Amino acid sequence: PEAFRIAAQAQKGKLDMPPERAVRLACRDVFRSSGLLSRIIPGIE
């Protein structure tokens, strides 16, 4: 979802940075807000 959200902004000319960098920053934020790291290892098990 973050990739498509950033792609929409890029296609509308609303980004002030390369889309790849914007995606990386968005992924960093969603990893933190979702608590993904705390769920991956229990999910593997």
ModelCIF file with pLDDT and N, C-alpha, C, O atoms, coordinates in Angstrom:
data_MODEL
#
_entry.id   MODEL 
#
_entity.id                         1 
_entity.type                       polymer 
_entity.pdbx_number_of_molecules   1 
#
_entity_poly.entity_id                      1 
_entity_poly.type                           'polypeptide(L)' 
_entity_poly.nstd_linkage                   no 
_entity_poly.nstd_monomer                   no 
_entity_poly.pdbx_seq_one_letter_code       PEAFRIAAQAQKGKLDMPPERAVRLACRDVFRSSGLLSRIIPGIE 
_entity_poly.pdbx_seq_one_letter_code_can   PEAFRIAAQAQKGKLDMPPERAVRLACRDVFRSSGLLSRIIPGIE 
_entity_poly.pdbx_strand_id                 A 
#
loop_
_entity_poly_seq.entity_id 
_entity_poly_seq.num 
_entity_poly_seq.mon_id 
_entity_poly_seq.hetero 
1 1  PRO n 
1 2  GLU n 
1 3  ALA n 
1 4  PHE n 
1 5  ARG n 
1 6  ILE n 
1 7  ALA n 
1 8  ALA n 
1 9  GLN n 
1 10 ALA n 
1 11 GLN n 
1 12 LYS n 
1 13 GLY n 
1 14 LYS n 
1 15 LEU n 
1 16 ASP n 
1 17 MET n 
1 18 PRO n 
1 19 PRO n 
1 20 GLU n 
1 21 ARG n 
1 22 ALA n 
1 23 VAL n 
1 24 ARG n 
1 25 LEU n 
1 26 ALA n 
1 27 CYS n 
1 28 ARG n 
1 29 ASP n 
1 30 VAL n 
1 31 PHE n 
1 32 ARG n 
1 33 SER n 
1 34 SER n 
1 35 GLY n 
1 36 LEU n 
1 37 LEU n 
1 38 SER n 
1 39 ARG n 
1 40 ILE n 
1 41 ILE n 
1 42 PRO n 
1 43 GLY n 
1 44 ILE n 
1 45 GLU n 
#
_struct_asym.id          A 
_struct_asym.entity_id   1 
#
loop_
_ma_qa_metric.id 
_ma_qa_metric.mode 
_ma_qa_metric.name 
_ma_qa_metric.software_group_id 
_ma_qa_metric.type 
1 global pLDDT . pLDDT 
2 local  pLDDT . pLDDT 
#
_ma_qa_metric_global.metric_id      1 
_ma_qa_metric_global.metric_value   92.11 
_ma_qa_metric_global.model_id       1 
_ma_qa_metric_global.ordinal_id     1 
#
loop_
_ma_qa_metric_local.label_asym_id 
_ma_qa_metric_local.label_comp_id 
_ma_qa_metric_local.label_seq_id 
_ma_qa_metric_local.metric_id 
_ma_qa_metric_local.metric_value 
_ma_qa_metric_local.model_id 
_ma_qa_metric_local.ordinal_id 
A PRO 1  2 97.00 1 1  
A GLU 2  2 97.00 1 2  
A ALA 3  2 96.00 1 3  
A PHE 4  2 97.00 1 4  
A ARG 5  2 97.00 1 5  
A ILE 6  2 97.00 1 6  
A ALA 7  2 96.00 1 7  
A ALA 8  2 96.00 1 8  
A GLN 9  2 96.00 1 9  
A ALA 10 2 94.00 1 10 
A GLN 11 2 92.00 1 11 
A LYS 12 2 92.00 1 12 
A GLY 13 2 92.00 1 13 
A LYS 14 2 93.00 1 14 
A LEU 15 2 93.00 1 15 
A ASP 16 2 92.00 1 16 
A MET 17 2 93.00 1 17 
A PRO 18 2 91.00 1 18 
A PRO 19 2 93.00 1 19 
A GLU 20 2 90.00 1 20 
A ARG 21 2 90.00 1 21 
A ALA 22 2 95.00 1 22 
A VAL 23 2 94.00 1 23 
A ARG 24 2 89.00 1 24 
A LEU 25 2 90.00 1 25 
A ALA 26 2 94.00 1 26 
A CYS 27 2 92.00 1 27 
A ARG 28 2 88.00 1 28 
A ASP 29 2 91.00 1 29 
A VAL 30 2 92.00 1 30 
A PHE 31 2 90.00 1 31 
A ARG 32 2 86.00 1 32 
A SER 33 2 90.00 1 33 
A SER 34 2 89.00 1 34 
A GLY 35 2 88.00 1 35 
A LEU 36 2 90.00 1 36 
A LEU 37 2 83.00 1 37 
A SER 38 2 86.00 1 38 
A ARG 39 2 91.00 1 39 
A ILE 40 2 92.00 1 40 
A ILE 41 2 88.00 1 41 
A PRO 42 2 91.00 1 42 
A GLY 43 2 94.00 1 43 
A ILE 44 2 95.00 1 44 
A GLU 45 2 93.00 1 45 
#
loop_
_atom_site.group_PDB 
_atom_site.id 
_atom_site.type_symbol 
_atom_site.label_atom_id 
_atom_site.label_alt_id 
_atom_site.label_comp_id 
_atom_site.label_asym_id 
_atom_site.label_entity_id 
_atom_site.label_seq_id 
_atom_site.pdbx_PDB_ins_code 
_atom_site.Cartn_x 
_atom_site.Cartn_y 
_atom_site.Cartn_z 
_atom_site.occupancy 
_atom_site.B_iso_or_equiv 
_atom_site.pdbx_formal_charge 
_atom_site.auth_seq_id 
_atom_site.auth_comp_id 
_atom_site.auth_asym_id 
_atom_site.auth_atom_id 
_atom_site.pdbx_PDB_model_num 
ATOM 1   N N  . PRO A 1 1  ? 0.816  -1.225  0.000   1.00 97.00 ? 1  PRO A N  1 
ATOM 2   C CA . PRO A 1 1  ? 0.000  0.000   0.000   1.00 97.00 ? 1  PRO A CA 1 
ATOM 3   C C  . PRO A 1 1  ? 0.847  1.271   0.000   1.00 97.00 ? 1  PRO A C  1 
ATOM 4   O O  . PRO A 1 1  ? 0.487  2.254   -0.647  1.00 97.00 ? 1  PRO A O  1 
ATOM 5   N N  . GLU A 1 2  ? 1.973  1.256   0.724   1.00 97.00 ? 2  GLU A N  1 
ATOM 6   C CA . GLU A 1 2  ? 2.840  2.433   0.748   1.00 97.00 ? 2  GLU A CA 1 
ATOM 7   C C  . GLU A 1 2  ? 3.447  2.684   -0.628  1.00 97.00 ? 2  GLU A C  1 
ATOM 8   O O  . GLU A 1 2  ? 3.589  3.834   -1.045  1.00 97.00 ? 2  GLU A O  1 
ATOM 9   N N  . ALA A 1 3  ? 3.805  1.613   -1.333  1.00 96.00 ? 3  ALA A N  1 
ATOM 10  C CA . ALA A 1 3  ? 4.371  1.765   -2.676  1.00 96.00 ? 3  ALA A CA 1 
ATOM 11  C C  . ALA A 1 3  ? 3.375  2.428   -3.618  1.00 96.00 ? 3  ALA A C  1 
ATOM 12  O O  . ALA A 1 3  ? 3.746  3.319   -4.382  1.00 96.00 ? 3  ALA A O  1 
ATOM 13  N N  . PHE A 1 4  ? 2.122  2.008   -3.574  1.00 97.00 ? 4  PHE A N  1 
ATOM 14  C CA . PHE A 1 4  ? 1.111  2.598   -4.452  1.00 97.00 ? 4  PHE A CA 1 
ATOM 15  C C  . PHE A 1 4  ? 0.776  4.031   -4.017  1.00 97.00 ? 4  PHE A C  1 
ATOM 16  O O  . PHE A 1 4  ? 0.495  4.881   -4.863  1.00 97.00 ? 4  PHE A O  1 
ATOM 17  N N  . ARG A 1 5  ? 0.803  4.301   -2.724  1.00 97.00 ? 5  ARG A N  1 
ATOM 18  C CA . ARG A 1 5  ? 0.540  5.660   -2.254  1.00 97.00 ? 5  ARG A CA 1 
ATOM 19  C C  . ARG A 1 5  ? 1.620  6.624   -2.752  1.00 97.00 ? 5  ARG A C  1 
ATOM 20  O O  . ARG A 1 5  ? 1.311  7.721   -3.219  1.00 97.00 ? 5  ARG A O  1 
ATOM 21  N N  . ILE A 1 6  ? 2.874  6.213   -2.650  1.00 97.00 ? 6  ILE A N  1 
ATOM 22  C CA . ILE A 1 6  ? 3.977  7.060   -3.123  1.00 97.00 ? 6  ILE A CA 1 
ATOM 23  C C  . ILE A 1 6  ? 3.944  7.184   -4.640  1.00 97.00 ? 6  ILE A C  1 
ATOM 24  O O  . ILE A 1 6  ? 4.211  8.256   -5.182  1.00 97.00 ? 6  ILE A O  1 
ATOM 25  N N  . ALA A 1 7  ? 3.616  6.083   -5.333  1.00 96.00 ? 7  ALA A N  1 
ATOM 26  C CA . ALA A 1 7  ? 3.533  6.132   -6.798  1.00 96.00 ? 7  ALA A CA 1 
ATOM 27  C C  . ALA A 1 7  ? 2.470  7.130   -7.251  1.00 96.00 ? 7  ALA A C  1 
ATOM 28  O O  . ALA A 1 7  ? 2.660  7.841   -8.238  1.00 96.00 ? 7  ALA A O  1 
ATOM 29  N N  . ALA A 1 8  ? 1.350  7.180   -6.525  1.00 96.00 ? 8  ALA A N  1 
ATOM 30  C CA . ALA A 1 8  ? 0.294  8.142   -6.868  1.00 96.00 ? 8  ALA A CA 1 
ATOM 31  C C  . ALA A 1 8  ? 0.792  9.564   -6.714  1.00 96.00 ? 8  ALA A C  1 
ATOM 32  O O  . ALA A 1 8  ? 0.519  10.413  -7.562  1.00 96.00 ? 8  ALA A O  1 
ATOM 33  N N  . GLN A 1 9  ? 1.520  9.835   -5.639  1.00 96.00 ? 9  GLN A N  1 
ATOM 34  C CA . GLN A 1 9  ? 2.067  11.176  -5.438  1.00 96.00 ? 9  GLN A CA 1 
ATOM 35  C C  . GLN A 1 9  ? 3.072  11.523  -6.529  1.00 96.00 ? 9  GLN A C  1 
ATOM 36  O O  . GLN A 1 9  ? 3.097  12.653  -7.016  1.00 96.00 ? 9  GLN A O  1 
ATOM 37  N N  . ALA A 1 10 ? 3.901  10.554  -6.913  1.00 94.00 ? 10 ALA A N  1 
ATOM 38  C CA . ALA A 1 10 ? 4.908  10.802  -7.948  1.00 94.00 ? 10 ALA A CA 1 
ATOM 39  C C  . ALA A 1 10 ? 4.249  11.079  -9.299  1.00 94.00 ? 10 ALA A C  1 
ATOM 40  O O  . ALA A 1 10 ? 4.679  11.974  -10.027 1.00 94.00 ? 10 ALA A O  1 
ATOM 41  N N  . GLN A 1 11 ? 3.212  10.317  -9.633  1.00 92.00 ? 11 GLN A N  1 
ATOM 42  C CA . GLN A 1 11 ? 2.533  10.527  -10.913 1.00 92.00 ? 11 GLN A CA 1 
ATOM 43  C C  . GLN A 1 11 ? 1.825  11.877  -10.969 1.00 92.00 ? 11 GLN A C  1 
ATOM 44  O O  . GLN A 1 11 ? 1.601  12.417  -12.053 1.00 92.00 ? 11 GLN A O  1 
ATOM 45  N N  . LYS A 1 12 ? 1.474  12.423  -9.808  1.00 92.00 ? 12 LYS A N  1 
ATOM 46  C CA . LYS A 1 12 ? 0.815  13.736  -9.757  1.00 92.00 ? 12 LYS A CA 1 
ATOM 47  C C  . LYS A 1 12 ? 1.810  14.876  -9.550  1.00 92.00 ? 12 LYS A C  1 
ATOM 48  O O  . LYS A 1 12 ? 1.410  16.033  -9.422  1.00 92.00 ? 12 LYS A O  1 
ATOM 49  N N  . GLY A 1 13 ? 3.113  14.551  -9.517  1.00 92.00 ? 13 GLY A N  1 
ATOM 50  C CA . GLY A 1 13 ? 4.129  15.572  -9.345  1.00 92.00 ? 13 GLY A CA 1 
ATOM 51  C C  . GLY A 1 13 ? 4.174  16.181  -7.962  1.00 92.00 ? 13 GLY A C  1 
ATOM 52  O O  . GLY A 1 13 ? 4.565  17.339  -7.812  1.00 92.00 ? 13 GLY A O  1 
ATOM 53  N N  . LYS A 1 14 ? 3.779  15.419  -6.932  1.00 93.00 ? 14 LYS A N  1 
ATOM 54  C CA . LYS A 1 14 ? 3.712  15.956  -5.577  1.00 93.00 ? 14 LYS A CA 1 
ATOM 55  C C  . LYS A 1 14 ? 4.878  15.514  -4.702  1.00 93.00 ? 14 LYS A C  1 
ATOM 56  O O  . LYS A 1 14 ? 4.846  15.734  -3.491  1.00 93.00 ? 14 LYS A O  1 
ATOM 57  N N  . LEU A 1 15 ? 5.910  14.894  -5.283  1.00 93.00 ? 15 LEU A N  1 
ATOM 58  C CA . LEU A 1 15 ? 7.062  14.462  -4.498  1.00 93.00 ? 15 LEU A CA 1 
ATOM 59  C C  . LEU A 1 15 ? 8.208  15.440  -4.665  1.00 93.00 ? 15 LEU A C  1 
ATOM 60  O O  . LEU A 1 15 ? 8.442  15.960  -5.756  1.00 93.00 ? 15 LEU A O  1 
ATOM 61  N N  . ASP A 1 16 ? 8.924  15.687  -3.569  1.00 92.00 ? 16 ASP A N  1 
ATOM 62  C CA . ASP A 1 16 ? 10.102 16.549  -3.635  1.00 92.00 ? 16 ASP A CA 1 
ATOM 63  C C  . ASP A 1 16 ? 11.390 15.749  -3.506  1.00 92.00 ? 16 ASP A C  1 
ATOM 64  O O  . ASP A 1 16 ? 12.439 16.303  -3.176  1.00 92.00 ? 16 ASP A O  1 
ATOM 65  N N  . MET A 1 17 ? 11.314 14.457  -3.763  1.00 93.00 ? 17 MET A N  1 
ATOM 66  C CA . MET A 1 17 ? 12.473 13.560  -3.700  1.00 93.00 ? 17 MET A CA 1 
ATOM 67  C C  . MET A 1 17 ? 12.229 12.401  -4.659  1.00 93.00 ? 17 MET A C  1 
ATOM 68  O O  . MET A 1 17 ? 11.095 12.208  -5.098  1.00 93.00 ? 17 MET A O  1 
ATOM 69  N N  . PRO A 1 18 ? 13.269 11.615  -5.004  1.00 91.00 ? 18 PRO A N  1 
ATOM 70  C CA . PRO A 1 18 ? 13.060 10.446  -5.860  1.00 91.00 ? 18 PRO A CA 1 
ATOM 71  C C  . PRO A 1 18 ? 12.048 9.489   -5.224  1.00 91.00 ? 18 PRO A C  1 
ATOM 72  O O  . PRO A 1 18 ? 12.046 9.326   -4.003  1.00 91.00 ? 18 PRO A O  1 
ATOM 73  N N  . PRO A 1 19 ? 11.195 8.859   -6.024  1.00 93.00 ? 19 PRO A N  1 
ATOM 74  C CA . PRO A 1 19 ? 10.173 7.982   -5.442  1.00 93.00 ? 19 PRO A CA 1 
ATOM 75  C C  . PRO A 1 19 ? 10.752 6.830   -4.631  1.00 93.00 ? 19 PRO A C  1 
ATOM 76  O O  . PRO A 1 19 ? 10.159 6.413   -3.636  1.00 93.00 ? 19 PRO A O  1 
ATOM 77  N N  . GLU A 1 20 ? 11.916 6.308   -5.051  1.00 90.00 ? 20 GLU A N  1 
ATOM 78  C CA . GLU A 1 20 ? 12.512 5.196   -4.307  1.00 90.00 ? 20 GLU A CA 1 
ATOM 79  C C  . GLU A 1 20 ? 12.853 5.615   -2.876  1.00 90.00 ? 20 GLU A C  1 
ATOM 80  O O  . GLU A 1 20 ? 12.637 4.859   -1.928  1.00 90.00 ? 20 GLU A O  1 
ATOM 81  N N  . ARG A 1 21 ? 13.391 6.835   -2.734  1.00 90.00 ? 21 ARG A N  1 
ATOM 82  C CA . ARG A 1 21 ? 13.711 7.323   -1.383  1.00 90.00 ? 21 ARG A CA 1 
ATOM 83  C C  . ARG A 1 21 ? 12.436 7.532   -0.569  1.00 90.00 ? 21 ARG A C  1 
ATOM 84  O O  . ARG A 1 21 ? 12.390 7.195   0.614   1.00 90.00 ? 21 ARG A O  1 
ATOM 85  N N  . ALA A 1 22 ? 11.418 8.079   -1.191  1.00 95.00 ? 22 ALA A N  1 
ATOM 86  C CA . ALA A 1 22 ? 10.156 8.281   -0.490  1.00 95.00 ? 22 ALA A CA 1 
ATOM 87  C C  . ALA A 1 22 ? 9.572  6.945   -0.024  1.00 95.00 ? 22 ALA A C  1 
ATOM 88  O O  . ALA A 1 22 ? 9.014  6.855   1.069   1.00 95.00 ? 22 ALA A O  1 
ATOM 89  N N  . VAL A 1 23 ? 9.702  5.922   -0.850  1.00 94.00 ? 23 VAL A N  1 
ATOM 90  C CA . VAL A 1 23 ? 9.198  4.599   -0.487  1.00 94.00 ? 23 VAL A CA 1 
ATOM 91  C C  . VAL A 1 23 ? 9.976  4.051   0.708   1.00 94.00 ? 23 VAL A C  1 
ATOM 92  O O  . VAL A 1 23 ? 9.382  3.496   1.632   1.00 94.00 ? 23 VAL A O  1 
ATOM 93  N N  . ARG A 1 24 ? 11.281 4.203   0.694   1.00 89.00 ? 24 ARG A N  1 
ATOM 94  C CA . ARG A 1 24 ? 12.091 3.704   1.800   1.00 89.00 ? 24 ARG A CA 1 
ATOM 95  C C  . ARG A 1 24 ? 11.705 4.379   3.114   1.00 89.00 ? 24 ARG A C  1 
ATOM 96  O O  . ARG A 1 24 ? 11.599 3.715   4.146   1.00 89.00 ? 24 ARG A O  1 
ATOM 97  N N  . LEU A 1 25 ? 11.500 5.673   3.082   1.00 90.00 ? 25 LEU A N  1 
ATOM 98  C CA . LEU A 1 25 ? 11.090 6.384   4.297   1.00 90.00 ? 25 LEU A CA 1 
ATOM 99  C C  . LEU A 1 25 ? 9.705  5.927   4.764   1.00 90.00 ? 25 LEU A C  1 
ATOM 100 O O  . LEU A 1 25 ? 9.462  5.779   5.962   1.00 90.00 ? 25 LEU A O  1 
ATOM 101 N N  . ALA A 1 26 ? 8.806  5.707   3.806   1.00 94.00 ? 26 ALA A N  1 
ATOM 102 C CA . ALA A 1 26 ? 7.463  5.243   4.156   1.00 94.00 ? 26 ALA A CA 1 
ATOM 103 C C  . ALA A 1 26 ? 7.514  3.839   4.754   1.00 94.00 ? 26 ALA A C  1 
ATOM 104 O O  . ALA A 1 26 ? 6.795  3.541   5.707   1.00 94.00 ? 26 ALA A O  1 
ATOM 105 N N  . CYS A 1 27 ? 8.363  2.978   4.194   1.00 92.00 ? 27 CYS A N  1 
ATOM 106 C CA . CYS A 1 27 ? 8.499  1.619   4.725   1.00 92.00 ? 27 CYS A CA 1 
ATOM 107 C C  . CYS A 1 27 ? 9.067  1.648   6.140   1.00 92.00 ? 27 CYS A C  1 
ATOM 108 O O  . CYS A 1 27 ? 8.615  0.907   7.012   1.00 92.00 ? 27 CYS A O  1 
ATOM 109 N N  . ARG A 1 28 ? 10.057 2.503   6.361   1.00 88.00 ? 28 ARG A N  1 
ATOM 110 C CA . ARG A 1 28 ? 10.620 2.647   7.710   1.00 88.00 ? 28 ARG A CA 1 
ATOM 111 C C  . ARG A 1 28 ? 9.521  2.995   8.711   1.00 88.00 ? 28 ARG A C  1 
ATOM 112 O O  . ARG A 1 28 ? 9.466  2.433   9.805   1.00 88.00 ? 28 ARG A O  1 
ATOM 113 N N  . ASP A 1 29 ? 8.646  3.929   8.326   1.00 91.00 ? 29 ASP A N  1 
ATOM 114 C CA . ASP A 1 29 ? 7.588  4.366   9.240   1.00 91.00 ? 29 ASP A CA 1 
ATOM 115 C C  . ASP A 1 29 ? 6.555  3.272   9.471   1.00 91.00 ? 29 ASP A C  1 
ATOM 116 O O  . ASP A 1 29 ? 6.077  3.092   10.591  1.00 91.00 ? 29 ASP A O  1 
ATOM 117 N N  . VAL A 1 30 ? 6.211  2.542   8.415   1.00 92.00 ? 30 VAL A N  1 
ATOM 118 C CA . VAL A 1 30 ? 5.184  1.509   8.579   1.00 92.00 ? 30 VAL A CA 1 
ATOM 119 C C  . VAL A 1 30 ? 5.739  0.321   9.360   1.00 92.00 ? 30 VAL A C  1 
ATOM 120 O O  . VAL A 1 30 ? 4.995  -0.333  10.091  1.00 92.00 ? 30 VAL A O  1 
ATOM 121 N N  . PHE A 1 31 ? 7.034  0.028   9.219   1.00 90.00 ? 31 PHE A N  1 
ATOM 122 C CA . PHE A 1 31 ? 7.627  -1.031  10.029  1.00 90.00 ? 31 PHE A CA 1 
ATOM 123 C C  . PHE A 1 31 ? 7.517  -0.676  11.513  1.00 90.00 ? 31 PHE A C  1 
ATOM 124 O O  . PHE A 1 31 ? 7.214  -1.528  12.348  1.00 90.00 ? 31 PHE A O  1 
ATOM 125 N N  . ARG A 1 32 ? 7.769  0.601   11.824  1.00 86.00 ? 32 ARG A N  1 
ATOM 126 C CA . ARG A 1 32 ? 7.713  1.028   13.215  1.00 86.00 ? 32 ARG A CA 1 
ATOM 127 C C  . ARG A 1 32 ? 6.275  1.046   13.730  1.00 86.00 ? 32 ARG A C  1 
ATOM 128 O O  . ARG A 1 32 ? 5.996  0.536   14.815  1.00 86.00 ? 32 ARG A O  1 
ATOM 129 N N  . SER A 1 33 ? 5.372  1.627   12.962  1.00 90.00 ? 33 SER A N  1 
ATOM 130 C CA . SER A 1 33 ? 3.989  1.773   13.444  1.00 90.00 ? 33 SER A CA 1 
ATOM 131 C C  . SER A 1 33 ? 3.256  0.442   13.549  1.00 90.00 ? 33 SER A C  1 
ATOM 132 O O  . SER A 1 33 ? 2.384  0.279   14.402  1.00 90.00 ? 33 SER A O  1 
ATOM 133 N N  . SER A 1 34 ? 3.605  -0.514  12.686  1.00 89.00 ? 34 SER A N  1 
ATOM 134 C CA . SER A 1 34 ? 2.935  -1.815  12.698  1.00 89.00 ? 34 SER A CA 1 
ATOM 135 C C  . SER A 1 34 ? 3.562  -2.801  13.671  1.00 89.00 ? 34 SER A C  1 
ATOM 136 O O  . SER A 1 34 ? 2.990  -3.857  13.940  1.00 89.00 ? 34 SER A O  1 
ATOM 137 N N  . GLY A 1 35 ? 4.755  -2.459  14.211  1.00 88.00 ? 35 GLY A N  1 
ATOM 138 C CA . GLY A 1 35 ? 5.443  -3.393  15.097  1.00 88.00 ? 35 GLY A CA 1 
ATOM 139 C C  . GLY A 1 35 ? 5.827  -4.679  14.399  1.00 88.00 ? 35 GLY A C  1 
ATOM 140 O O  . GLY A 1 35 ? 5.799  -5.753  14.999  1.00 88.00 ? 35 GLY A O  1 
ATOM 141 N N  . LEU A 1 36 ? 6.190  -4.569  13.120  1.00 90.00 ? 36 LEU A N  1 
ATOM 142 C CA . LEU A 1 36 ? 6.423  -5.770  12.316  1.00 90.00 ? 36 LEU A CA 1 
ATOM 143 C C  . LEU A 1 36 ? 7.543  -6.645  12.867  1.00 90.00 ? 36 LEU A C  1 
ATOM 144 O O  . LEU A 1 36 ? 7.421  -7.870  12.866  1.00 90.00 ? 36 LEU A O  1 
ATOM 145 N N  . LEU A 1 37 ? 8.633  -6.039  13.337  1.00 83.00 ? 37 LEU A N  1 
ATOM 146 C CA . LEU A 1 37 ? 9.755  -6.834  13.834  1.00 83.00 ? 37 LEU A CA 1 
ATOM 147 C C  . LEU A 1 37 ? 9.349  -7.762  14.977  1.00 83.00 ? 37 LEU A C  1 
ATOM 148 O O  . LEU A 1 37 ? 9.883  -8.863  15.106  1.00 83.00 ? 37 LEU A O  1 
ATOM 149 N N  . SER A 1 38 ? 8.415  -7.321  15.793  1.00 86.00 ? 38 SER A N  1 
ATOM 150 C CA . SER A 1 38 ? 7.994  -8.145  16.928  1.00 86.00 ? 38 SER A CA 1 
ATOM 151 C C  . SER A 1 38 ? 7.125  -9.317  16.492  1.00 86.00 ? 38 SER A C  1 
ATOM 152 O O  . SER A 1 38 ? 6.862  -10.222 17.284  1.00 86.00 ? 38 SER A O  1 
ATOM 153 N N  . ARG A 1 39 ? 6.677  -9.309  15.236  1.00 91.00 ? 39 ARG A N  1 
ATOM 154 C CA . ARG A 1 39 ? 5.766  -10.352 14.771  1.00 91.00 ? 39 ARG A CA 1 
ATOM 155 C C  . ARG A 1 39 ? 6.410  -11.363 13.829  1.00 91.00 ? 39 ARG A C  1 
ATOM 156 O O  . ARG A 1 39 ? 5.881  -12.459 13.646  1.00 91.00 ? 39 ARG A O  1 
ATOM 157 N N  . ILE A 1 40 ? 7.551  -11.008 13.226  1.00 92.00 ? 40 ILE A N  1 
ATOM 158 C CA . ILE A 1 40 ? 8.095  -11.877 12.185  1.00 92.00 ? 40 ILE A CA 1 
ATOM 159 C C  . ILE A 1 40 ? 8.585  -13.207 12.741  1.00 92.00 ? 40 ILE A C  1 
ATOM 160 O O  . ILE A 1 40 ? 8.208  -14.263 12.234  1.00 92.00 ? 40 ILE A O  1 
ATOM 161 N N  . ILE A 1 41 ? 9.427  -13.171 13.786  1.00 88.00 ? 41 ILE A N  1 
ATOM 162 C CA . ILE A 1 41 ? 9.979  -14.432 14.295  1.00 88.00 ? 41 ILE A CA 1 
ATOM 163 C C  . ILE A 1 41 ? 8.892  -15.345 14.858  1.00 88.00 ? 41 ILE A C  1 
ATOM 164 O O  . ILE A 1 41 ? 8.907  -16.534 14.541  1.00 88.00 ? 41 ILE A O  1 
ATOM 165 N N  . PRO A 1 42 ? 7.945  -14.863 15.678  1.00 91.00 ? 42 PRO A N  1 
ATOM 166 C CA . PRO A 1 42 ? 6.835  -15.748 16.084  1.00 91.00 ? 42 PRO A CA 1 
ATOM 167 C C  . PRO A 1 42 ? 6.046  -16.272 14.884  1.00 91.00 ? 42 PRO A C  1 
ATOM 168 O O  . PRO A 1 42 ? 5.557  -17.402 14.908  1.00 91.00 ? 42 PRO A O  1 
ATOM 169 N N  . GLY A 1 43 ? 5.922  -15.451 13.832  1.00 94.00 ? 43 GLY A N  1 
ATOM 170 C CA . GLY A 1 43 ? 5.223  -15.914 12.628  1.00 94.00 ? 43 GLY A CA 1 
ATOM 171 C C  . GLY A 1 43 ? 5.951  -17.046 11.941  1.00 94.00 ? 43 GLY A C  1 
ATOM 172 O O  . GLY A 1 43 ? 5.323  -17.980 11.444  1.00 94.00 ? 43 GLY A O  1 
ATOM 173 N N  . ILE A 1 44 ? 7.281  -16.973 11.907  1.00 95.00 ? 44 ILE A N  1 
ATOM 174 C CA . ILE A 1 44 ? 8.078  -18.060 11.323  1.00 95.00 ? 44 ILE A CA 1 
ATOM 175 C C  . ILE A 1 44 ? 7.825  -19.355 12.081  1.00 95.00 ? 44 ILE A C  1 
ATOM 176 O O  . ILE A 1 44 ? 7.566  -20.400 11.484  1.00 95.00 ? 44 ILE A O  1 
ATOM 177 N N  . GLU A 1 45 ? 7.904  -19.272 13.403  1.00 93.00 ? 45 GLU A N  1 
ATOM 178 C CA . GLU A 1 45 ? 7.699  -20.473 14.228  1.00 93.00 ? 45 GLU A CA 1 
ATOM 179 C C  . GLU A 1 45 ? 6.302  -21.056 14.021  1.00 93.00 ? 45 GLU A C  1 
ATOM 180 O O  . GLU A 1 45 ? 5.958  -22.066 14.634  1.00 93.00 ? 45 GLU A O  1 
#
